[in-house]
Amino acid sequence: MRKLLFSSFALFLLLLLVPSITSAHSGGTDANGGHHCWTNCGYYGYEYGEYHYHNGGYDDSYDYVDYEKQLRQQYLADAVGEGNYLLTLLNNFNAAISSGDIKKIDGLYDEFSSQLSYVESLIGYVYGSDQRAQLNDKYIKPAKVAKERVIYEVSQLRLLSDINYYINEDYWVDDEFAMLERLVKRAEQIKKAGGYKAIPAKVNQYLRLQDAIIQGNYLNSRTSYFKEVINSGYISDVHYEYDDFTKQIQRTQAKIGKVYGSETRNKLDRTYVKPAIIEKERVIYEVSQYRLLQQIEDLYYSGDSSAISSLLSKLDRLQKRAIEIKAAGGYQALPTNIDDELQQMESWVRS
């Protein structure tokens, strides 16, 4: 009888121990008798990272445990909610790209870019690297691809707007145009290296047209200034401005050459280039004479007079050619001061 009672008592003790055995899993407990679950959590009935108690630990911190769990869930919900809104913006943005309307793309760009950055920051708070990677694949990667497809085109459009403003305010914008050229070149390099889907041709056609028009406006401004220099009557000032003015004509011609459509190119050429060339040709022979006379003067002071005779003969030919061209072209007469100054220089070198 005692042996049977002993066996029954041992069985009772074993049954008491069963819940502890079945709920046990790896990991030590903290001072409160609990810990976070990081291994085989689903098997034990917990969520990954969930805090719980063992061995009589008290749960006075139960509200804190729920808050921590809710906070993780809220981070995920925020990232998903804002990510879905990003996808809505992405659809609109891609539709604008497909339309080839760079102004529409530019109008959507800032909100889209801002939302992209915001969602990327929210995903950074989401728990678990695998979960963050999934969110990045779903929301961030396709949005970045769309942004990078047109980022240089949007930058060009905005820079062109700034340049046009500066021109209207009578600023010289050579540095800004140089920056624009770097953007165009960089866009070509990035698109080629990144393998991005080509954007509609209309985008670049519009940008090249605007580039040519704004460069033409700048040339008009420089032409007016060059005309003022000519009319001031100082050949030395005309000589000083001549080379840069010639470069402006060449730059405008190059940009017009990139515009789509021969009829449009011809119109731009008539509007911007031809008036500039007329002012250049008004003084091309006078500038050439001035520079030749300076060269002769330099040779004289250096003591090397061997080439002076041939240079004077060249001067004679320039003067004759200038008379013929001016008569045939019907150019506006130059201020008499220019001819007077050249004659004085010539008299000195011939004496």
Protein backbone atom coordinates (compact mmCIF):
# COMPACT_ATOMS: atom_id res chain seq x y z
CA MET A 1 0.00 0.00 0.00
CA ARG A 2 2.81 2.43 0.89
CA LYS A 3 4.50 1.56 -2.39
CA LEU A 4 1.31 2.40 -4.35
CA LEU A 5 0.85 5.69 -2.47
CA PHE A 6 4.47 6.62 -3.22
CA SER A 7 3.98 5.90 -6.95
CA SER A 8 0.82 8.03 -7.08
CA PHE A 9 2.58 10.94 -5.37
CA ALA A 10 5.51 10.71 -7.82
CA LEU A 11 3.11 10.77 -10.77
CA PHE A 12 1.38 13.84 -9.31
CA LEU A 13 4.69 15.66 -9.05
CA LEU A 14 5.56 14.73 -12.64
CA LEU A 15 2.27 16.15 -13.91
CA LEU A 16 2.94 19.40 -12.08
CA LEU A 17 6.25 19.69 -13.88
CA VAL A 18 4.88 19.07 -17.41
CA PRO A 19 3.82 22.71 -18.16
CA SER A 20 7.28 23.96 -17.22
CA ILE A 21 8.95 21.39 -19.43
CA THR A 22 6.76 21.98 -22.48
CA SER A 23 7.05 25.77 -22.30
CA ALA A 24 10.76 25.91 -21.72
CA HIS A 25 13.06 27.27 -24.48
CA SER A 26 16.55 28.62 -24.79
CA GLY A 27 17.71 31.98 -23.43
CA GLY A 28 18.32 33.39 -19.97
CA THR A 29 15.91 35.64 -18.10
CA ASP A 30 16.42 39.15 -16.79
CA ALA A 31 15.91 40.48 -13.26
CA ASN A 32 12.15 40.44 -13.77
CA GLY A 33 12.18 36.78 -14.71
CA GLY A 34 11.47 37.39 -18.40
CA HIS A 35 13.17 37.91 -21.75
CA HIS A 36 12.58 38.49 -25.50
CA CYS A 37 12.03 35.54 -27.79
CA TRP A 38 14.53 35.33 -30.65
CA THR A 39 14.55 31.60 -31.52
CA ASN A 40 11.70 29.27 -32.63
CA CYS A 41 9.17 31.81 -31.34
CA GLY A 42 6.21 30.45 -33.28
CA TYR A 43 6.79 26.97 -31.84
CA TYR A 44 6.44 28.36 -28.30
CA GLY A 45 3.47 30.57 -29.14
CA TYR A 46 5.27 33.94 -29.25
CA GLU A 47 5.96 36.51 -31.93
CA TYR A 48 9.55 37.15 -32.91
CA GLY A 49 11.08 39.55 -30.38
CA GLU A 50 8.09 39.36 -27.99
CA TYR A 51 8.84 39.83 -24.29
CA HIS A 52 7.45 37.22 -21.84
CA TYR A 53 8.06 35.77 -18.37
CA HIS A 54 9.39 32.51 -16.92
CA ASN A 55 9.67 30.88 -13.52
CA GLY A 56 7.23 33.07 -11.62
CA GLY A 57 8.44 36.34 -13.02
CA TYR A 58 6.05 39.20 -12.37
CA ASP A 59 4.34 41.11 -15.17
CA ASP A 60 4.03 44.58 -13.65
CA SER A 61 5.70 45.72 -16.91
CA TYR A 62 3.00 44.16 -19.07
CA ASP A 63 1.84 47.56 -20.35
CA TYR A 64 5.41 48.28 -21.49
CA VAL A 65 5.58 44.95 -23.32
CA ASP A 66 2.37 45.71 -25.22
CA TYR A 67 3.61 49.21 -26.05
CA GLU A 68 6.86 47.89 -27.45
CA LYS A 69 5.00 45.42 -29.63
CA GLN A 70 2.52 48.03 -30.77
CA LEU A 71 5.34 50.42 -31.60
CA ARG A 72 6.95 47.85 -33.89
CA GLN A 73 3.62 47.25 -35.55
CA GLN A 74 3.07 50.99 -35.96
CA TYR A 75 6.46 51.45 -37.63
CA LEU A 76 5.56 48.76 -40.11
CA ALA A 77 2.06 50.17 -40.70
CA ASP A 78 3.48 53.68 -41.27
CA ALA A 79 6.04 52.40 -43.75
CA VAL A 80 3.44 50.37 -45.65
CA GLY A 81 0.86 53.17 -45.67
CA GLU A 82 3.28 55.82 -46.89
CA GLY A 83 4.86 53.30 -49.25
CA ASN A 84 1.50 52.68 -50.89
CA TYR A 85 1.06 56.43 -51.33
CA LEU A 86 4.53 56.51 -52.91
CA LEU A 87 3.39 53.86 -55.38
CA THR A 88 0.42 56.08 -56.31
CA LEU A 89 2.78 58.98 -56.95
CA LEU A 90 5.07 56.63 -58.87
CA ASN A 91 2.25 55.66 -61.23
CA ASN A 92 1.51 59.33 -61.92
CA PHE A 93 5.21 60.09 -62.32
CA ASN A 94 5.75 57.25 -64.78
CA ALA A 95 2.69 58.37 -66.73
CA ALA A 96 4.19 61.86 -66.99
CA ILE A 97 7.48 60.39 -68.20
CA SER A 98 5.67 58.31 -70.81
CA SER A 99 3.87 61.43 -72.05
CA GLY A 100 7.22 63.08 -72.78
CA ASP A 101 6.06 66.31 -71.12
CA ILE A 102 9.08 67.53 -69.16
CA LYS A 103 7.06 70.34 -67.58
CA LYS A 104 4.59 67.83 -66.17
CA ILE A 105 7.48 65.67 -64.94
CA ASP A 106 9.02 68.71 -63.27
CA GLY A 107 5.70 69.59 -61.63
CA LEU A 108 5.48 66.15 -59.99
CA TYR A 109 9.16 65.74 -59.22
CA ASP A 110 9.47 67.49 -55.85
CA GLU A 111 6.54 65.77 -54.12
CA PHE A 112 7.57 62.42 -55.55
CA SER A 113 11.18 62.87 -54.49
CA SER A 114 10.19 64.06 -51.02
CA GLN A 115 7.83 61.09 -50.51
CA LEU A 116 10.56 58.74 -51.64
CA SER A 117 12.95 60.09 -49.02
CA TYR A 118 10.24 59.95 -46.34
CA VAL A 119 9.34 56.33 -47.02
CA GLU A 120 13.01 55.38 -47.07
CA SER A 121 13.42 56.91 -43.60
CA LEU A 122 10.32 55.11 -42.28
CA ILE A 123 11.57 51.77 -43.52
CA GLY A 124 14.73 52.36 -41.53
CA TYR A 125 12.67 52.08 -38.32
CA VAL A 126 11.01 48.79 -39.29
CA TYR A 127 12.19 45.80 -37.27
CA GLY A 128 14.08 43.02 -39.05
CA SER A 129 16.52 43.24 -41.96
CA ASP A 130 14.51 40.81 -44.09
CA GLN A 131 11.37 42.86 -43.65
CA ARG A 132 13.21 46.09 -44.48
CA ALA A 133 14.66 44.47 -47.60
CA GLN A 134 11.19 43.43 -48.76
CA LEU A 135 9.84 46.94 -48.24
CA ASN A 136 12.78 48.46 -50.09
CA ASP A 137 12.23 46.12 -53.03
CA LYS A 138 8.53 46.95 -53.16
CA TYR A 139 8.63 50.71 -52.67
CA ILE A 140 12.08 52.27 -52.85
CA LYS A 141 13.81 50.56 -55.76
CA PRO A 142 11.14 51.20 -58.45
CA ALA A 143 10.75 54.78 -57.27
CA LYS A 144 14.49 55.44 -57.44
CA VAL A 145 14.69 54.00 -60.94
CA ALA A 146 11.96 56.38 -62.11
CA LYS A 147 13.62 59.34 -60.41
CA GLU A 148 17.05 58.59 -61.84
CA ARG A 149 15.62 58.21 -65.35
CA VAL A 150 14.79 61.93 -65.45
CA ILE A 151 16.81 63.60 -62.71
CA TYR A 152 19.27 65.18 -65.14
CA GLU A 153 16.51 66.35 -67.48
CA VAL A 154 14.65 68.04 -64.62
CA SER A 155 17.94 69.63 -63.53
CA GLN A 156 18.51 70.95 -67.06
CA LEU A 157 15.02 72.44 -67.25
CA ARG A 158 15.45 74.24 -63.93
CA LEU A 159 18.91 75.49 -64.77
CA LEU A 160 17.66 76.82 -68.11
CA SER A 161 14.95 78.72 -66.25
CA ASP A 162 17.56 80.25 -63.94
CA ILE A 163 19.81 81.17 -66.87
CA ASN A 164 16.94 82.90 -68.66
CA TYR A 165 16.20 84.89 -65.52
CA TYR A 166 19.84 85.99 -65.21
CA ILE A 167 19.90 87.05 -68.87
CA ASN A 168 16.81 89.19 -68.36
CA GLU A 169 18.57 90.79 -65.40
CA ASP A 170 21.57 91.60 -67.67
CA TYR A 171 23.97 89.11 -66.09
CA TRP A 172 26.56 87.23 -68.08
CA VAL A 173 25.87 83.52 -67.82
CA ASP A 174 28.84 81.77 -69.41
CA ASP A 175 29.53 79.76 -66.24
CA GLU A 176 25.89 78.65 -66.03
CA PHE A 177 25.91 77.52 -69.65
CA ALA A 178 29.10 75.57 -68.95
CA MET A 179 27.31 73.89 -66.03
CA LEU A 180 24.44 73.01 -68.35
CA GLU A 181 26.84 71.37 -70.79
CA ARG A 182 28.23 69.24 -67.97
CA LEU A 183 24.70 68.18 -67.01
CA VAL A 184 23.92 67.14 -70.58
CA LYS A 185 27.13 65.16 -70.85
CA ARG A 186 26.65 63.57 -67.42
CA ALA A 187 23.09 62.53 -68.34
CA GLU A 188 24.37 60.68 -71.38
CA GLN A 189 27.05 58.90 -69.34
CA ILE A 190 24.67 57.86 -66.54
CA LYS A 191 21.97 56.61 -68.91
CA LYS A 192 24.50 54.54 -70.82
CA ALA A 193 26.16 53.07 -67.72
CA GLY A 194 22.94 52.42 -65.77
CA GLY A 195 20.99 50.79 -68.55
CA TYR A 196 17.91 52.88 -67.82
CA LYS A 197 14.89 52.64 -70.07
CA ALA A 198 15.06 55.44 -72.62
CA ILE A 199 12.82 58.43 -72.02
CA PRO A 200 10.63 59.74 -74.87
CA ALA A 201 12.53 61.73 -77.49
CA LYS A 202 10.16 64.67 -76.93
CA VAL A 203 11.86 65.43 -73.61
CA ASN A 204 15.30 66.06 -75.04
CA GLN A 205 13.89 67.74 -78.14
CA TYR A 206 12.14 70.27 -75.92
CA LEU A 207 15.24 70.82 -73.78
CA ARG A 208 17.50 71.33 -76.80
CA LEU A 209 15.02 73.81 -78.26
CA GLN A 210 14.86 75.77 -75.01
CA ASP A 211 18.65 75.63 -74.74
CA ALA A 212 19.00 77.11 -78.23
CA ILE A 213 16.38 79.82 -77.62
CA ILE A 214 17.91 80.90 -74.32
CA GLN A 215 21.42 80.81 -75.78
CA GLY A 216 20.00 82.90 -78.64
CA ASN A 217 18.55 85.40 -76.17
CA TYR A 218 21.95 85.62 -74.57
CA LEU A 219 23.56 86.19 -77.97
CA ASN A 220 21.05 88.97 -78.63
CA SER A 221 22.10 90.58 -75.38
CA ARG A 222 25.77 90.25 -76.26
CA THR A 223 25.12 91.57 -79.78
CA SER A 224 23.52 94.71 -78.35
CA TYR A 225 26.50 95.18 -76.07
CA PHE A 226 28.97 94.59 -78.90
CA LYS A 227 27.12 97.12 -81.03
CA GLU A 228 27.46 99.67 -78.23
CA VAL A 229 31.20 98.98 -78.10
CA ILE A 230 31.48 99.52 -81.86
CA ASN A 231 29.52 102.75 -81.68
CA SER A 232 31.77 104.04 -78.91
CA GLY A 233 34.42 104.46 -81.63
CA TYR A 234 37.41 102.82 -79.92
CA ILE A 235 38.95 100.08 -82.02
CA SER A 236 40.96 98.82 -79.06
CA ASP A 237 37.70 98.11 -77.17
CA VAL A 238 36.21 96.40 -80.21
CA HIS A 239 39.35 94.26 -80.51
CA TYR A 240 39.10 93.32 -76.82
CA GLU A 241 35.45 92.13 -77.11
CA TYR A 242 35.71 90.58 -80.57
CA ASP A 243 36.96 87.07 -79.74
CA ASP A 244 34.46 86.40 -76.97
CA PHE A 245 31.63 87.71 -79.13
CA THR A 246 32.72 85.38 -81.92
CA LYS A 247 32.64 82.45 -79.49
CA GLN A 248 29.10 83.35 -78.46
CA ILE A 249 28.03 83.17 -82.11
CA GLN A 250 29.67 79.77 -82.47
CA ARG A 251 28.04 78.43 -79.30
CA THR A 252 24.63 79.55 -80.46
CA GLN A 253 25.16 77.96 -83.86
CA ALA A 254 26.19 74.70 -82.19
CA LYS A 255 23.07 74.63 -80.01
CA ILE A 256 20.79 75.49 -82.89
CA GLY A 257 22.39 72.58 -84.75
CA LYS A 258 21.02 70.19 -82.09
CA VAL A 259 17.43 71.39 -82.47
CA TYR A 260 14.99 69.02 -84.12
CA GLY A 261 13.65 70.13 -87.53
CA SER A 262 15.40 72.10 -90.27
CA GLU A 263 12.65 74.70 -90.48
CA THR A 264 12.96 75.44 -86.77
CA ARG A 265 16.75 75.62 -87.03
CA ASN A 266 16.55 78.07 -89.94
CA LYS A 267 14.15 80.28 -88.00
CA LEU A 268 16.41 80.33 -84.96
CA ASP A 269 19.41 81.11 -87.15
CA ARG A 270 17.62 84.09 -88.73
CA THR A 271 16.44 85.35 -85.35
CA TYR A 272 19.66 85.11 -83.38
CA VAL A 273 22.75 84.33 -85.45
CA LYS A 274 22.42 86.52 -88.50
CA PRO A 275 22.09 89.85 -86.62
CA ALA A 276 25.20 88.91 -84.62
CA ILE A 277 27.18 88.00 -87.72
CA ILE A 278 26.29 91.35 -89.30
CA GLU A 279 27.81 93.21 -86.34
CA LYS A 280 30.85 90.97 -86.44
CA GLU A 281 31.39 91.55 -90.15
CA ARG A 282 31.05 95.30 -89.70
CA VAL A 283 34.38 95.32 -87.90
CA ILE A 284 36.16 92.11 -88.89
CA TYR A 285 38.59 93.87 -91.24
CA GLU A 286 39.20 96.77 -88.86
CA VAL A 287 40.00 94.35 -86.03
CA SER A 288 42.33 92.46 -88.38
CA GLN A 289 44.11 95.70 -89.33
CA TYR A 290 44.43 96.73 -85.70
CA ARG A 291 45.99 93.41 -84.73
CA LEU A 292 48.33 93.46 -87.72
CA LEU A 293 49.48 96.98 -86.88
CA GLN A 294 50.09 95.90 -83.28
CA GLN A 295 52.15 92.97 -84.54
CA ILE A 296 54.25 95.31 -86.71
CA GLU A 297 54.73 97.64 -83.76
CA ASP A 298 55.88 94.77 -81.56
CA LEU A 299 58.39 93.68 -84.20
CA TYR A 300 59.72 97.21 -84.45
CA TYR A 301 60.34 97.46 -80.70
CA SER A 302 61.89 93.99 -80.59
CA GLY A 303 64.42 95.05 -83.24
CA ASP A 304 63.24 92.42 -85.73
CA SER A 305 62.23 94.41 -88.81
CA SER A 306 62.69 91.63 -91.40
CA ALA A 307 58.99 90.74 -91.59
CA ILE A 308 57.60 94.26 -91.41
CA SER A 309 57.59 94.80 -95.16
CA SER A 310 55.53 91.67 -95.88
CA LEU A 311 53.11 92.55 -93.07
CA LEU A 312 52.59 96.02 -94.53
CA SER A 313 51.75 94.40 -97.87
CA LYS A 314 49.21 92.24 -96.05
CA LEU A 315 47.80 95.38 -94.50
CA ASP A 316 47.29 96.89 -97.95
CA ARG A 317 45.34 93.82 -99.04
CA LEU A 318 43.17 93.93 -95.91
CA GLN A 319 42.30 97.56 -96.50
CA LYS A 320 41.36 96.94 -100.11
CA ARG A 321 39.26 93.90 -99.20
CA ALA A 322 37.49 95.85 -96.45
CA ILE A 323 36.39 98.52 -98.94
CA GLU A 324 35.05 95.89 -101.36
CA ILE A 325 33.16 93.94 -98.67
CA LYS A 326 31.63 97.02 -97.10
CA ALA A 327 30.43 98.29 -100.48
CA ALA A 328 28.92 94.92 -101.46
CA GLY A 329 27.34 94.10 -98.10
CA GLY A 330 25.72 97.42 -97.38
CA TYR A 331 26.93 97.38 -93.75
CA GLN A 332 26.22 100.27 -91.44
CA ALA A 333 29.10 102.72 -91.45
CA LEU A 334 31.53 102.63 -88.56
CA PRO A 335 32.27 105.66 -86.38
CA THR A 336 34.93 107.85 -87.99
CA ASN A 337 37.04 107.56 -84.82
CA ILE A 338 37.83 103.95 -85.70
CA ASP A 339 39.25 104.81 -89.12
CA ASP A 340 41.10 107.80 -87.67
CA GLU A 341 42.77 105.64 -84.99
CA LEU A 342 43.82 103.02 -87.53
CA GLN A 343 45.26 105.66 -89.86
CA GLN A 344 47.29 107.15 -87.01
CA MET A 345 48.70 103.72 -86.14
CA GLU A 346 49.50 103.05 -89.80
CA SER A 347 51.22 106.40 -90.26
CA TRP A 348 53.44 105.64 -87.28
CA VAL A 349 54.53 102.16 -88.48
CA ARG A 350 55.16 103.35 -92.03
CA SER A 351 57.26 106.32 -91.00
